[in-house]
Amino acid sequence: MEETTFPRDYQRILAAVREAAGPVEARQVGDGLGIDVSVRAELEPLRGKPVPLVDRGWLRKLPDGRFTIRV
């Protein structure tokens, strides 16, 4: 599956993880997307969004819960 066929939210998440200097938490992804992560109601929906990208092999979830690009 091509990355360009993903919904825009998932494309933005992949871009935010790629641009990070290393593994990132959902909070850091939110910062990269311009989401106000200090508001719990804004951050919570984002926590589950990277999981489908992990399931499809685009991201890797580390044991500590951070995400990185699969190499």
PDB file of N, CA and C in Angstrom:
ATOM      1  N   MET A   1       0.838  -1.172   0.000  1.00  0.00           N
ATOM      2  CA  MET A   1       0.000   0.000   0.000  1.00  0.00           C
ATOM      3  C   MET A   1       0.885   1.238   0.000  1.00  0.00           C
ATOM      4  N   GLU A   2       0.545   2.184  -0.843  1.00  0.00           N
ATOM      5  CA  GLU A   2       1.298   3.426  -0.938  1.00  0.00           C
ATOM      6  C   GLU A   2       0.902   4.386   0.182  1.00  0.00           C
ATOM      7  N   GLU A   3       1.863   5.090   0.664  1.00  0.00           N
ATOM      8  CA  GLU A   3       1.615   6.070   1.727  1.00  0.00           C
ATOM      9  C   GLU A   3       0.612   7.130   1.280  1.00  0.00           C
ATOM     10  N   THR A   4       0.621   7.470   0.007  1.00  0.00           N
ATOM     11  CA  THR A   4      -0.274   8.509  -0.502  1.00  0.00           C
ATOM     12  C   THR A   4      -1.736   8.085  -0.487  1.00  0.00           C
ATOM     13  N   THR A   5      -2.013   6.800  -0.313  1.00  0.00           N
ATOM     14  CA  THR A   5      -3.399   6.342  -0.253  1.00  0.00           C
ATOM     15  C   THR A   5      -3.958   6.414   1.167  1.00  0.00           C
ATOM     16  N   PHE A   6      -3.106   6.692   2.143  1.00  0.00           N
ATOM     17  CA  PHE A   6      -3.555   6.813   3.531  1.00  0.00           C
ATOM     18  C   PHE A   6      -4.371   8.089   3.696  1.00  0.00           C
ATOM     19  N   PRO A   7      -5.297   8.110   4.661  1.00  0.00           N
ATOM     20  CA  PRO A   7      -5.975   9.364   4.988  1.00  0.00           C
ATOM     21  C   PRO A   7      -4.943  10.421   5.397  1.00  0.00           C
ATOM     22  N   ARG A   8      -5.289  11.662   5.199  1.00  0.00           N
ATOM     23  CA  ARG A   8      -4.370  12.781   5.450  1.00  0.00           C
ATOM     24  C   ARG A   8      -3.806  12.773   6.877  1.00  0.00           C
ATOM     25  N   ASP A   9      -4.629  12.431   7.873  1.00  0.00           N
ATOM     26  CA  ASP A   9      -4.138  12.382   9.262  1.00  0.00           C
ATOM     27  C   ASP A   9      -2.971  11.419   9.403  1.00  0.00           C
ATOM     28  N   TYR A  10      -3.080  10.247   8.778  1.00  0.00           N
ATOM     29  CA  TYR A  10      -2.021   9.248   8.884  1.00  0.00           C
ATOM     30  C   TYR A  10      -0.770   9.700   8.137  1.00  0.00           C
ATOM     31  N   GLN A  11      -0.946  10.360   7.019  1.00  0.00           N
ATOM     32  CA  GLN A  11       0.205  10.887   6.285  1.00  0.00           C
ATOM     33  C   GLN A  11       0.943  11.921   7.144  1.00  0.00           C
ATOM     34  N   ARG A  12       0.187  12.759   7.837  1.00  0.00           N
ATOM     35  CA  ARG A  12       0.791  13.778   8.697  1.00  0.00           C
ATOM     36  C   ARG A  12       1.521  13.147   9.882  1.00  0.00           C
ATOM     37  N   ILE A  13       0.967  12.067  10.430  1.00  0.00           N
ATOM     38  CA  ILE A  13       1.625  11.369  11.544  1.00  0.00           C
ATOM     39  C   ILE A  13       2.946  10.779  11.073  1.00  0.00           C
ATOM     40  N   LEU A  14       2.932  10.126   9.913  1.00  0.00           N
ATOM     41  CA  LEU A  14       4.176   9.562   9.368  1.00  0.00           C
ATOM     42  C   LEU A  14       5.227  10.652   9.160  1.00  0.00           C
ATOM     43  N   ALA A  15       4.804  11.784   8.627  1.00  0.00           N
ATOM     44  CA  ALA A  15       5.741  12.888   8.400  1.00  0.00           C
ATOM     45  C   ALA A  15       6.315  13.402   9.717  1.00  0.00           C
ATOM     46  N   ALA A  16       5.483  13.515  10.742  1.00  0.00           N
ATOM     47  CA  ALA A  16       5.952  14.003  12.046  1.00  0.00           C
ATOM     48  C   ALA A  16       6.970  13.041  12.658  1.00  0.00           C
ATOM     49  N   VAL A  17       6.733  11.746  12.530  1.00  0.00           N
ATOM     50  CA  VAL A  17       7.674  10.756  13.076  1.00  0.00           C
ATOM     51  C   VAL A  17       8.968  10.780  12.281  1.00  0.00           C
ATOM     52  N   ARG A  18       8.879  10.906  10.972  1.00  0.00           N
ATOM     53  CA  ARG A  18      10.083  10.971  10.129  1.00  0.00           C
ATOM     54  C   ARG A  18      10.944  12.174  10.472  1.00  0.00           C
ATOM     55  N   GLU A  19      10.303  13.310  10.731  1.00  0.00           N
ATOM     56  CA  GLU A  19      11.037  14.554  10.994  1.00  0.00           C
ATOM     57  C   GLU A  19      11.679  14.589  12.372  1.00  0.00           C
ATOM     58  N   ALA A  20      11.242  13.722  13.264  1.00  0.00           N
ATOM     59  CA  ALA A  20      11.791  13.696  14.626  1.00  0.00           C
ATOM     60  C   ALA A  20      13.220  13.165  14.600  1.00  0.00           C
ATOM     61  N   ALA A  21      13.989  13.578  15.583  1.00  0.00           N
ATOM     62  CA  ALA A  21      15.387  13.166  15.679  1.00  0.00           C
ATOM     63  C   ALA A  21      15.540  11.728  16.161  1.00  0.00           C
ATOM     64  N   GLY A  22      14.473  11.140  16.678  1.00  0.00           N
ATOM     65  CA  GLY A  22      14.519   9.775  17.191  1.00  0.00           C
ATOM     66  C   GLY A  22      13.115   9.319  17.516  1.00  0.00           C
ATOM     67  N   PRO A  23      12.995   8.274  18.312  1.00  0.00           N
ATOM     68  CA  PRO A  23      11.665   7.776  18.683  1.00  0.00           C
ATOM     69  C   PRO A  23      10.845   8.861  19.386  1.00  0.00           C
ATOM     70  N   VAL A  24       9.545   8.875  19.112  1.00  0.00           N
ATOM     71  CA  VAL A  24       8.680   9.922  19.654  1.00  0.00           C
ATOM     72  C   VAL A  24       7.481   9.346  20.400  1.00  0.00           C
ATOM     73  N   GLU A  25       6.994  10.109  21.354  1.00  0.00           N
ATOM     74  CA  GLU A  25       5.761   9.786  22.068  1.00  0.00           C
ATOM     75  C   GLU A  25       4.605  10.457  21.338  1.00  0.00           C
ATOM     76  N   ALA A  26       3.393  10.061  21.661  1.00  0.00           N
ATOM     77  CA  ALA A  26       2.209  10.668  21.050  1.00  0.00           C
ATOM     78  C   ALA A  26       2.199  12.175  21.276  1.00  0.00           C
ATOM     79  N   ARG A  27       2.650  12.608  22.434  1.00  0.00           N
ATOM     80  CA  ARG A  27       2.691  14.045  22.749  1.00  0.00           C
ATOM     81  C   ARG A  27       3.587  14.791  21.755  1.00  0.00           C
ATOM     82  N   GLN A  28       4.727  14.208  21.406  1.00  0.00           N
ATOM     83  CA  GLN A  28       5.634  14.846  20.461  1.00  0.00           C
ATOM     84  C   GLN A  28       5.047  14.861  19.054  1.00  0.00           C
ATOM     85  N   VAL A  29       4.332  13.797  18.692  1.00  0.00           N
ATOM     86  CA  VAL A  29       3.654  13.768  17.396  1.00  0.00           C
ATOM     87  C   VAL A  29       2.617  14.887  17.361  1.00  0.00           C
ATOM     88  N   GLY A  30       1.866  15.028  18.443  1.00  0.00           N
ATOM     89  CA  GLY A  30       0.873  16.091  18.536  1.00  0.00           C
ATOM     90  C   GLY A  30       1.488  17.467  18.385  1.00  0.00           C
ATOM     91  N   ASP A  31       2.629  17.677  19.024  1.00  0.00           N
ATOM     92  CA  ASP A  31       3.339  18.953  18.879  1.00  0.00           C
ATOM     93  C   ASP A  31       3.680  19.200  17.415  1.00  0.00           C
ATOM     94  N   GLY A  32       4.166  18.157  16.745  1.00  0.00           N
ATOM     95  CA  GLY A  32       4.520  18.269  15.338  1.00  0.00           C
ATOM     96  C   GLY A  32       3.328  18.548  14.436  1.00  0.00           C
ATOM     97  N   LEU A  33       2.162  18.135  14.871  1.00  0.00           N
ATOM     98  CA  LEU A  33       0.942  18.354  14.092  1.00  0.00           C
ATOM     99  C   LEU A  33       0.236  19.646  14.468  1.00  0.00           C
ATOM    100  N   GLY A  34       0.766  20.349  15.461  1.00  0.00           N
ATOM    101  CA  GLY A  34       0.159  21.604  15.877  1.00  0.00           C
ATOM    102  C   GLY A  34      -1.034  21.433  16.798  1.00  0.00           C
ATOM    103  N   ILE A  35      -1.136  20.285  17.457  1.00  0.00           N
ATOM    104  CA  ILE A  35      -2.229  20.012  18.384  1.00  0.00           C
ATOM    105  C   ILE A  35      -1.839  20.529  19.763  1.00  0.00           C
ATOM    106  N   ASP A  36      -2.785  21.118  20.464  1.00  0.00           N
ATOM    107  CA  ASP A  36      -2.533  21.610  21.821  1.00  0.00           C
ATOM    108  C   ASP A  36      -2.519  20.405  22.763  1.00  0.00           C
ATOM    109  N   VAL A  37      -1.342  19.841  22.990  1.00  0.00           N
ATOM    110  CA  VAL A  37      -1.210  18.619  23.780  1.00  0.00           C
ATOM    111  C   VAL A  37      -1.377  18.850  25.272  1.00  0.00           C
ATOM    112  N   SER A  38      -1.470  20.102  25.688  1.00  0.00           N
ATOM    113  CA  SER A  38      -1.717  20.373  27.103  1.00  0.00           C
ATOM    114  C   SER A  38      -3.183  20.125  27.456  1.00  0.00           C
ATOM    115  N   VAL A  39      -4.021  19.993  26.433  1.00  0.00           N
ATOM    116  CA  VAL A  39      -5.443  19.713  26.629  1.00  0.00           C
ATOM    117  C   VAL A  39      -5.652  18.215  26.414  1.00  0.00           C
ATOM    118  N   ARG A  40      -6.002  17.517  27.484  1.00  0.00           N
ATOM    119  CA  ARG A  40      -6.128  16.057  27.435  1.00  0.00           C
ATOM    120  C   ARG A  40      -7.104  15.598  26.342  1.00  0.00           C
ATOM    121  N   ALA A  41      -8.187  16.326  26.158  1.00  0.00           N
ATOM    122  CA  ALA A  41      -9.183  15.966  25.144  1.00  0.00           C
ATOM    123  C   ALA A  41      -8.631  16.061  23.727  1.00  0.00           C
ATOM    124  N   GLU A  42      -7.595  16.842  23.535  1.00  0.00           N
ATOM    125  CA  GLU A  42      -6.946  16.952  22.233  1.00  0.00           C
ATOM    126  C   GLU A  42      -5.935  15.822  22.035  1.00  0.00           C
ATOM    127  N   LEU A  43      -5.242  15.444  23.107  1.00  0.00           N
ATOM    128  CA  LEU A  43      -4.171  14.454  23.025  1.00  0.00           C
ATOM    129  C   LEU A  43      -4.695  13.017  22.977  1.00  0.00           C
ATOM    130  N   GLU A  44      -5.704  12.702  23.757  1.00  0.00           N
ATOM    131  CA  GLU A  44      -6.171  11.311  23.861  1.00  0.00           C
ATOM    132  C   GLU A  44      -6.560  10.687  22.519  1.00  0.00           C
ATOM    133  N   PRO A  45      -7.300  11.371  21.653  1.00  0.00           N
ATOM    134  CA  PRO A  45      -7.632  10.739  20.369  1.00  0.00           C
ATOM    135  C   PRO A  45      -6.402  10.432  19.511  1.00  0.00           C
ATOM    136  N   LEU A  46      -5.335  11.182  19.720  1.00  0.00           N
ATOM    137  CA  LEU A  46      -4.109  10.981  18.943  1.00  0.00           C
ATOM    138  C   LEU A  46      -3.351   9.733  19.371  1.00  0.00           C
ATOM    139  N   ARG A  47      -3.486   9.324  20.611  1.00  0.00           N
ATOM    140  CA  ARG A  47      -2.711   8.188  21.135  1.00  0.00           C
ATOM    141  C   ARG A  47      -2.912   6.899  20.339  1.00  0.00           C
ATOM    142  N   GLY A  48      -4.102   6.644  19.851  1.00  0.00           N
ATOM    143  CA  GLY A  48      -4.370   5.409  19.117  1.00  0.00           C
ATOM    144  C   GLY A  48      -4.124   5.497  17.620  1.00  0.00           C
ATOM    145  N   LYS A  49      -3.943   6.697  17.094  1.00  0.00           N
ATOM    146  CA  LYS A  49      -3.797   6.866  15.646  1.00  0.00           C
ATOM    147  C   LYS A  49      -2.560   6.193  15.053  1.00  0.00           C
ATOM    148  N   PRO A  50      -1.415   6.173  15.722  1.00  0.00           N
ATOM    149  CA  PRO A  50      -0.259   5.508  15.114  1.00  0.00           C
ATOM    150  C   PRO A  50      -0.374   3.978  15.063  1.00  0.00           C
ATOM    151  N   VAL A  51      -1.261   3.387  15.855  1.00  0.00           N
ATOM    152  CA  VAL A  51      -1.350   1.925  15.942  1.00  0.00           C
ATOM    153  C   VAL A  51      -1.663   1.267  14.592  1.00  0.00           C
ATOM    154  N   PRO A  52      -2.612   1.767  13.796  1.00  0.00           N
ATOM    155  CA  PRO A  52      -2.825   1.148  12.483  1.00  0.00           C
ATOM    156  C   PRO A  52      -1.588   1.223  11.585  1.00  0.00           C
ATOM    157  N   LEU A  53      -0.782   2.271  11.770  1.00  0.00           N
ATOM    158  CA  LEU A  53       0.451   2.373  10.994  1.00  0.00           C
ATOM    159  C   LEU A  53       1.477   1.349  11.462  1.00  0.00           C
ATOM    160  N   VAL A  54       1.447   1.000  12.731  1.00  0.00           N
ATOM    161  CA  VAL A  54       2.291  -0.080  13.254  1.00  0.00           C
ATOM    162  C   VAL A  54       1.810  -1.411  12.672  1.00  0.00           C
ATOM    163  N   ASP A  55       0.500  -1.623  12.696  1.00  0.00           N
ATOM    164  CA  ASP A  55      -0.075  -2.871  12.190  1.00  0.00           C
ATOM    165  C   ASP A  55       0.238  -3.088  10.714  1.00  0.00           C
ATOM    166  N   ARG A  56       0.331  -2.003   9.957  1.00  0.00           N
ATOM    167  CA  ARG A  56       0.609  -2.102   8.518  1.00  0.00           C
ATOM    168  C   ARG A  56       2.100  -2.103   8.209  1.00  0.00           C
ATOM    169  N   GLY A  57       2.941  -1.968   9.240  1.00  0.00           N
ATOM    170  CA  GLY A  57       4.381  -2.046   9.042  1.00  0.00           C
ATOM    171  C   GLY A  57       5.070  -0.741   8.694  1.00  0.00           C
ATOM    172  N   TRP A  58       4.375   0.380   8.782  1.00  0.00           N
ATOM    173  CA  TRP A  58       4.990   1.665   8.468  1.00  0.00           C
ATOM    174  C   TRP A  58       5.734   2.245   9.661  1.00  0.00           C
ATOM    175  N   LEU A  59       5.226   1.989  10.862  1.00  0.00           N
ATOM    176  CA  LEU A  59       5.872   2.449  12.090  1.00  0.00           C
ATOM    177  C   LEU A  59       6.206   1.251  12.964  1.00  0.00           C
ATOM    178  N   ARG A  60       7.085   1.478  13.899  1.00  0.00           N
ATOM    179  CA  ARG A  60       7.420   0.458  14.899  1.00  0.00           C
ATOM    180  C   ARG A  60       7.147   1.053  16.271  1.00  0.00           C
ATOM    181  N   LYS A  61       6.471   0.288  17.122  1.00  0.00           N
ATOM    182  CA  LYS A  61       6.214   0.740  18.486  1.00  0.00           C
ATOM    183  C   LYS A  61       7.228   0.072  19.399  1.00  0.00           C
ATOM    184  N   LEU A  62       7.963   0.887  20.115  1.00  0.00           N
ATOM    185  CA  LEU A  62       8.982   0.390  21.032  1.00  0.00           C
ATOM    186  C   LEU A  62       8.327  -0.044  22.345  1.00  0.00           C
ATOM    187  N   PRO A  63       9.005  -0.883  23.119  1.00  0.00           N
ATOM    188  CA  PRO A  63       8.433  -1.338  24.392  1.00  0.00           C
ATOM    189  C   PRO A  63       8.043  -0.224  25.358  1.00  0.00           C
ATOM    190  N   ASP A  64       8.701   0.921  25.254  1.00  0.00           N
ATOM    191  CA  ASP A  64       8.374   2.044  26.143  1.00  0.00           C
ATOM    192  C   ASP A  64       7.207   2.894  25.623  1.00  0.00           C
ATOM    193  N   GLY A  65       6.600   2.483  24.495  1.00  0.00           N
ATOM    194  CA  GLY A  65       5.432   3.181  23.960  1.00  0.00           C
ATOM    195  C   GLY A  65       5.742   4.246  22.923  1.00  0.00           C
ATOM    196  N   ARG A  66       7.013   4.499  22.674  1.00  0.00           N
ATOM    197  CA  ARG A  66       7.365   5.490  21.655  1.00  0.00           C
ATOM    198  C   ARG A  66       7.301   4.853  20.268  1.00  0.00           C
ATOM    199  N   PHE A  67       7.239   5.717  19.244  1.00  0.00           N
ATOM    200  CA  PHE A  67       7.133   5.255  17.867  1.00  0.00           C
ATOM    201  C   PHE A  67       8.328   5.721  17.061  1.00  0.00           C
ATOM    202  N   THR A  68       8.682   4.904  16.070  1.00  0.00           N
ATOM    203  CA  THR A  68       9.761   5.246  15.164  1.00  0.00           C
ATOM    204  C   THR A  68       9.413   4.694  13.784  1.00  0.00           C
ATOM    205  N   ILE A  69      10.080   5.202  12.773  1.00  0.00           N
ATOM    206  CA  ILE A  69       9.884   4.697  11.412  1.00  0.00           C
ATOM    207  C   ILE A  69      10.495   3.312  11.326  1.00  0.00           C
ATOM    208  N   ARG A  70       9.785   2.401  10.693  1.00  0.00           N
ATOM    209  CA  ARG A  70      10.312   1.042  10.514  1.00  0.00           C
ATOM    210  C   ARG A  70      11.384   1.096   9.426  1.00  0.00           C
ATOM    211  N   VAL A  71      12.517   0.490   9.720  1.00  0.00           N
ATOM    212  CA  VAL A  71      13.614   0.454   8.742  1.00  0.00           C
ATOM    213  C   VAL A  71      13.810  -0.936   8.196  1.00  0.00           C
TER     214      VAL A  71
END
